[in-house]
N, C-alpha and C. Protein backbone atom coordinates (compact mmCIF):
# COMPACT_ATOMS: atom_id res chain seq x y z
N MET A 1 35.47 0.63 6.45
CA MET A 1 34.57 0.27 6.17
C MET A 1 34.30 -0.70 4.59
N SER A 2 33.84 -1.78 5.27
CA SER A 2 33.23 -2.85 4.21
C SER A 2 32.59 -2.42 2.97
N ILE A 3 32.84 -3.35 2.23
CA ILE A 3 32.24 -3.07 0.49
C ILE A 3 30.65 -2.98 0.89
N ALA A 4 30.08 -3.62 1.62
CA ALA A 4 28.52 -3.67 1.78
C ALA A 4 28.29 -2.33 2.26
N ALA A 5 28.87 -1.92 3.40
CA ALA A 5 28.60 -0.64 4.43
C ALA A 5 28.47 0.36 3.34
N GLU A 6 29.86 0.31 2.38
CA GLU A 6 30.20 1.10 1.73
C GLU A 6 28.95 1.45 0.45
N LYS A 7 28.54 0.19 -0.09
CA LYS A 7 27.33 0.33 -0.78
C LYS A 7 26.10 0.85 -0.24
N MET A 8 25.95 0.68 0.90
CA MET A 8 24.68 1.27 1.71
C MET A 8 24.85 2.81 1.82
N ALA A 9 25.85 3.15 2.38
CA ALA A 9 25.99 4.45 2.29
C ALA A 9 25.89 5.18 1.13
N GLU A 10 26.19 4.54 -0.24
CA GLU A 10 26.08 5.75 -1.33
C GLU A 10 24.42 5.14 -1.94
N VAL A 11 23.91 4.19 -1.46
CA VAL A 11 22.38 3.81 -1.80
C VAL A 11 21.57 5.13 -0.86
N LEU A 12 22.22 5.10 0.26
CA LEU A 12 21.16 5.98 1.00
C LEU A 12 21.34 7.70 0.85
N ALA A 13 22.53 7.84 -0.07
CA ALA A 13 22.71 9.24 -0.08
C ALA A 13 21.95 9.97 -1.37
N LEU A 14 21.57 8.66 -2.29
CA LEU A 14 20.91 8.78 -3.45
C LEU A 14 19.64 9.97 -3.21
N PRO A 15 18.92 10.18 -4.16
CA PRO A 15 17.67 11.10 -4.03
C PRO A 15 16.26 10.22 -3.54
N GLU A 16 15.38 10.62 -2.95
CA GLU A 16 14.52 9.88 -2.43
C GLU A 16 13.51 8.78 -3.59
N GLN A 17 13.52 9.37 -4.60
CA GLN A 17 12.98 9.08 -5.92
C GLN A 17 13.86 7.60 -6.33
N ASP A 18 15.09 7.76 -6.53
CA ASP A 18 15.99 6.65 -6.68
C ASP A 18 15.93 5.30 -5.76
N ARG A 19 16.21 5.91 -4.19
CA ARG A 19 15.71 4.69 -3.50
C ARG A 19 14.57 4.20 -3.29
N ALA A 20 13.49 4.66 -3.25
CA ALA A 20 11.96 4.19 -3.53
C ALA A 20 12.28 3.33 -4.74
N PHE A 21 12.76 3.43 -5.87
CA PHE A 21 12.83 2.63 -7.03
C PHE A 21 13.85 1.26 -6.74
N LEU A 22 14.88 1.68 -6.07
CA LEU A 22 15.75 0.55 -5.57
C LEU A 22 14.69 -0.38 -4.68
N ALA A 23 14.30 0.19 -3.60
CA ALA A 23 13.18 -0.38 -2.79
C ALA A 23 12.26 -1.32 -3.49
N HIS A 24 11.69 -0.74 -4.31
CA HIS A 24 10.56 -1.49 -5.20
C HIS A 24 11.27 -2.81 -5.82
N ARG A 25 12.40 -2.71 -6.35
CA ARG A 25 13.17 -3.41 -6.92
C ARG A 25 13.62 -4.62 -6.18
N LEU A 26 14.19 -4.05 -5.29
CA LEU A 26 14.61 -5.29 -4.00
C LEU A 26 13.62 -6.13 -3.14
N ILE A 27 12.56 -5.70 -2.95
CA ILE A 27 11.27 -6.49 -2.56
C ILE A 27 10.61 -7.15 -3.81
N ALA A 28 10.54 -6.77 -4.91
CA ALA A 28 10.31 -7.65 -6.30
C ALA A 28 11.13 -8.69 -6.50
N SER A 29 12.32 -8.43 -5.96
CA SER A 29 13.19 -9.23 -6.35
C SER A 29 13.19 -10.80 -5.20
N LEU A 30 12.27 -10.60 -4.09
CA LEU A 30 12.49 -11.30 -2.72
C LEU A 30 10.95 -12.03 -2.92
N ASP A 31 10.11 -11.69 -3.85
CA ASP A 31 8.97 -12.33 -4.23
C ASP A 31 9.10 -13.23 -5.14
N SER A 32 9.55 -14.51 -5.67
CA SER A 32 9.73 -14.99 -6.50
C SER A 32 8.27 -15.96 -7.20
N SER A 33 7.16 -16.06 -6.14
CA SER A 33 6.04 -16.68 -6.70
C SER A 33 5.45 -15.21 -7.50
N VAL A 34 4.94 -16.00 -8.64
CA VAL A 34 4.31 -14.88 -9.31
C VAL A 34 2.58 -15.42 -9.61
N ASP A 35 1.65 -14.54 -9.40
CA ASP A 35 0.69 -15.01 -9.58
C ASP A 35 -0.06 -14.35 -10.93
N ALA A 36 -0.04 -15.19 -11.58
CA ALA A 36 -0.42 -15.16 -13.20
C ALA A 36 -1.82 -14.44 -13.26
N ASP A 37 -2.53 -14.78 -12.34
CA ASP A 37 -4.00 -14.31 -12.51
C ASP A 37 -4.41 -13.28 -11.68
N ALA A 38 -3.56 -12.35 -10.83
CA ALA A 38 -3.48 -11.58 -10.16
C ALA A 38 -4.29 -10.17 -11.01
N GLU A 39 -3.70 -9.94 -12.12
CA GLU A 39 -4.01 -8.89 -12.68
C GLU A 39 -5.29 -8.59 -13.16
N THR A 40 -6.18 -10.01 -13.48
CA THR A 40 -7.38 -10.31 -13.86
C THR A 40 -8.11 -10.25 -12.58
N GLN A 41 -7.62 -10.66 -11.41
CA GLN A 41 -8.53 -10.82 -10.43
C GLN A 41 -8.89 -9.32 -9.92
N TRP A 42 -7.64 -8.39 -10.00
CA TRP A 42 -7.64 -7.07 -9.56
C TRP A 42 -8.56 -6.25 -10.53
N GLN A 43 -8.65 -6.33 -11.95
CA GLN A 43 -9.40 -5.91 -12.91
C GLN A 43 -10.96 -5.99 -12.43
N GLU A 44 -11.45 -7.36 -12.11
CA GLU A 44 -12.45 -7.58 -11.64
C GLU A 44 -13.25 -6.97 -10.38
N VAL A 45 -12.17 -6.64 -9.53
CA VAL A 45 -12.26 -6.29 -8.30
C VAL A 45 -13.06 -4.59 -8.56
N ILE A 46 -11.89 -4.05 -9.48
CA ILE A 46 -12.14 -2.71 -10.13
C ILE A 46 -13.61 -2.36 -10.82
N ASP A 47 -13.78 -3.30 -11.65
CA ASP A 47 -15.05 -3.34 -12.42
C ASP A 47 -16.40 -3.01 -11.26
N ARG A 48 -16.24 -4.12 -10.46
CA ARG A 48 -17.47 -4.49 -9.36
C ARG A 48 -17.45 -3.18 -9.10
N ARG A 49 -16.43 -2.73 -8.25
CA ARG A 49 -16.37 -1.25 -7.32
C ARG A 49 -16.91 -0.12 -8.10
N SER A 50 -16.54 0.06 -9.28
CA SER A 50 -17.10 0.92 -10.36
C SER A 50 -18.58 1.07 -10.30
N ARG A 51 -18.99 -0.63 -10.48
CA ARG A 51 -20.29 -0.51 -10.98
C ARG A 51 -21.42 -0.07 -9.70
N GLU A 52 -20.68 -0.77 -8.41
CA GLU A 52 -21.47 -0.32 -7.22
C GLU A 52 -21.49 0.92 -6.88
N MET A 53 -20.40 1.57 -7.47
CA MET A 53 -20.38 3.22 -7.26
C MET A 53 -21.38 3.80 -8.02
N ALA A 54 -21.28 3.51 -9.15
CA ALA A 54 -22.21 4.12 -10.25
C ALA A 54 -23.52 3.46 -9.62
N GLU A 55 -24.12 2.63 -9.50
CA GLU A 55 -25.31 2.30 -8.78
C GLU A 55 -25.81 2.50 -7.39
N GLY A 56 -24.62 3.32 -6.89
CA GLY A 56 -24.93 4.08 -5.28
C GLY A 56 -25.06 3.07 -4.41
N ARG A 57 -24.40 1.82 -4.81
CA ARG A 57 -24.84 0.75 -3.66
C ARG A 57 -23.22 0.88 -2.87
N LEU A 58 -22.22 1.72 -3.23
CA LEU A 58 -20.95 1.83 -2.55
C LEU A 58 -21.25 3.53 -1.49
N ASP A 59 -20.68 3.13 -0.12
CA ASP A 59 -20.68 4.23 0.73
C ASP A 59 -19.20 4.44 0.27
N ALA A 60 -18.71 5.79 -0.61
CA ALA A 60 -17.91 6.33 -0.71
C ALA A 60 -17.57 7.67 -0.05
N ARG A 61 -16.91 7.50 1.04
CA ARG A 61 -16.18 8.76 1.75
C ARG A 61 -14.91 9.45 1.62
N PRO A 62 -14.84 10.87 2.06
CA PRO A 62 -13.59 11.33 1.86
C PRO A 62 -12.56 10.15 3.40
N GLU A 63 -11.48 9.87 2.52
CA GLU A 63 -10.42 9.50 3.68
C GLU A 63 -10.46 9.94 4.83
N GLU A 64 -10.57 11.53 5.03
CA GLU A 64 -10.20 11.82 6.40
C GLU A 64 -11.54 11.36 6.97
N ALA A 65 -12.82 11.22 6.53
CA ALA A 65 -14.24 10.81 7.36
C ALA A 65 -13.58 9.74 7.70
N MET A 66 -13.31 8.82 7.10
CA MET A 66 -13.02 7.10 7.35
C MET A 66 -12.04 7.18 8.56
N VAL A 67 -11.23 7.84 8.43
CA VAL A 67 -9.97 7.83 9.29
C VAL A 67 -10.42 8.35 10.70
N ARG A 68 -11.33 9.46 10.66
CA ARG A 68 -11.81 10.16 11.94
C ARG A 68 -12.76 8.71 12.23
N ASP A 69 -13.71 8.42 11.69
CA ASP A 69 -14.68 7.05 12.26
C ASP A 69 -14.00 5.92 12.97
N ILE A 70 -12.54 5.67 12.09
CA ILE A 70 -11.83 4.40 12.57
C ILE A 70 -11.18 4.73 13.92
N ARG A 71 -10.73 6.08 13.98
CA ARG A 71 -9.73 6.60 15.53
C ARG A 71 -11.07 6.48 16.49
N ALA A 72 -12.32 6.64 16.21
CA ALA A 72 -12.95 7.19 17.03
C ALA A 72 -13.57 5.57 17.74
N LYS A 73 -13.65 4.72 16.91
CA LYS A 73 -14.09 3.63 17.18
C LYS A 73 -12.91 2.96 18.11
N LEU A 74 -11.92 2.83 17.77
CA LEU A 74 -10.47 2.67 18.34
C LEU A 74 -10.47 3.35 19.77
N ASN A 75 -10.69 4.28 19.81
CA ASN A 75 -10.48 5.02 21.09
C ASN A 75 -11.95 4.82 22.18
N ALA A 76 -12.92 4.36 21.49
CA ALA A 76 -14.27 3.83 22.22
C ALA A 76 -13.77 2.64 22.85
N ARG A 77 -13.40 1.79 22.00
CA ARG A 77 -12.84 0.41 22.74
C ARG A 77 -11.97 0.31 23.77
N HIS A 78 -10.58 1.12 23.46
CA HIS A 78 -9.72 1.65 24.63
C HIS A 78 -10.40 2.21 25.89
N SER A 79 -11.09 2.97 25.65
CA SER A 79 -11.89 3.47 27.03
C SER A 79 -12.43 2.76 27.58
N ALA A 80 -13.23 1.79 26.87
CA ALA A 80 -14.20 0.64 27.44
C ALA A 80 -13.36 -0.63 28.26
N SER A 81 -12.04 -0.34 27.80
CA SER A 81 -11.30 -1.49 28.61
C SER A 81 -10.36 -1.21 29.61
């Protein structure tokens, strides 16, 4: 077994939480471009959506209802074609 295969087996034997942490760090290491303004932009979206919810302008439905509606639309498209 090569060193890489041994390390892979060792990593795969780790608990799920540790594997998830390593996966996150590996993916982050591949993205060398950092958007310095991303945090500010996300905060603006969060603030806007919060205002829309408070003002009743946002259709906030449970996830299950949204997924059910999306599946129904997809099934209707599939049936039509």
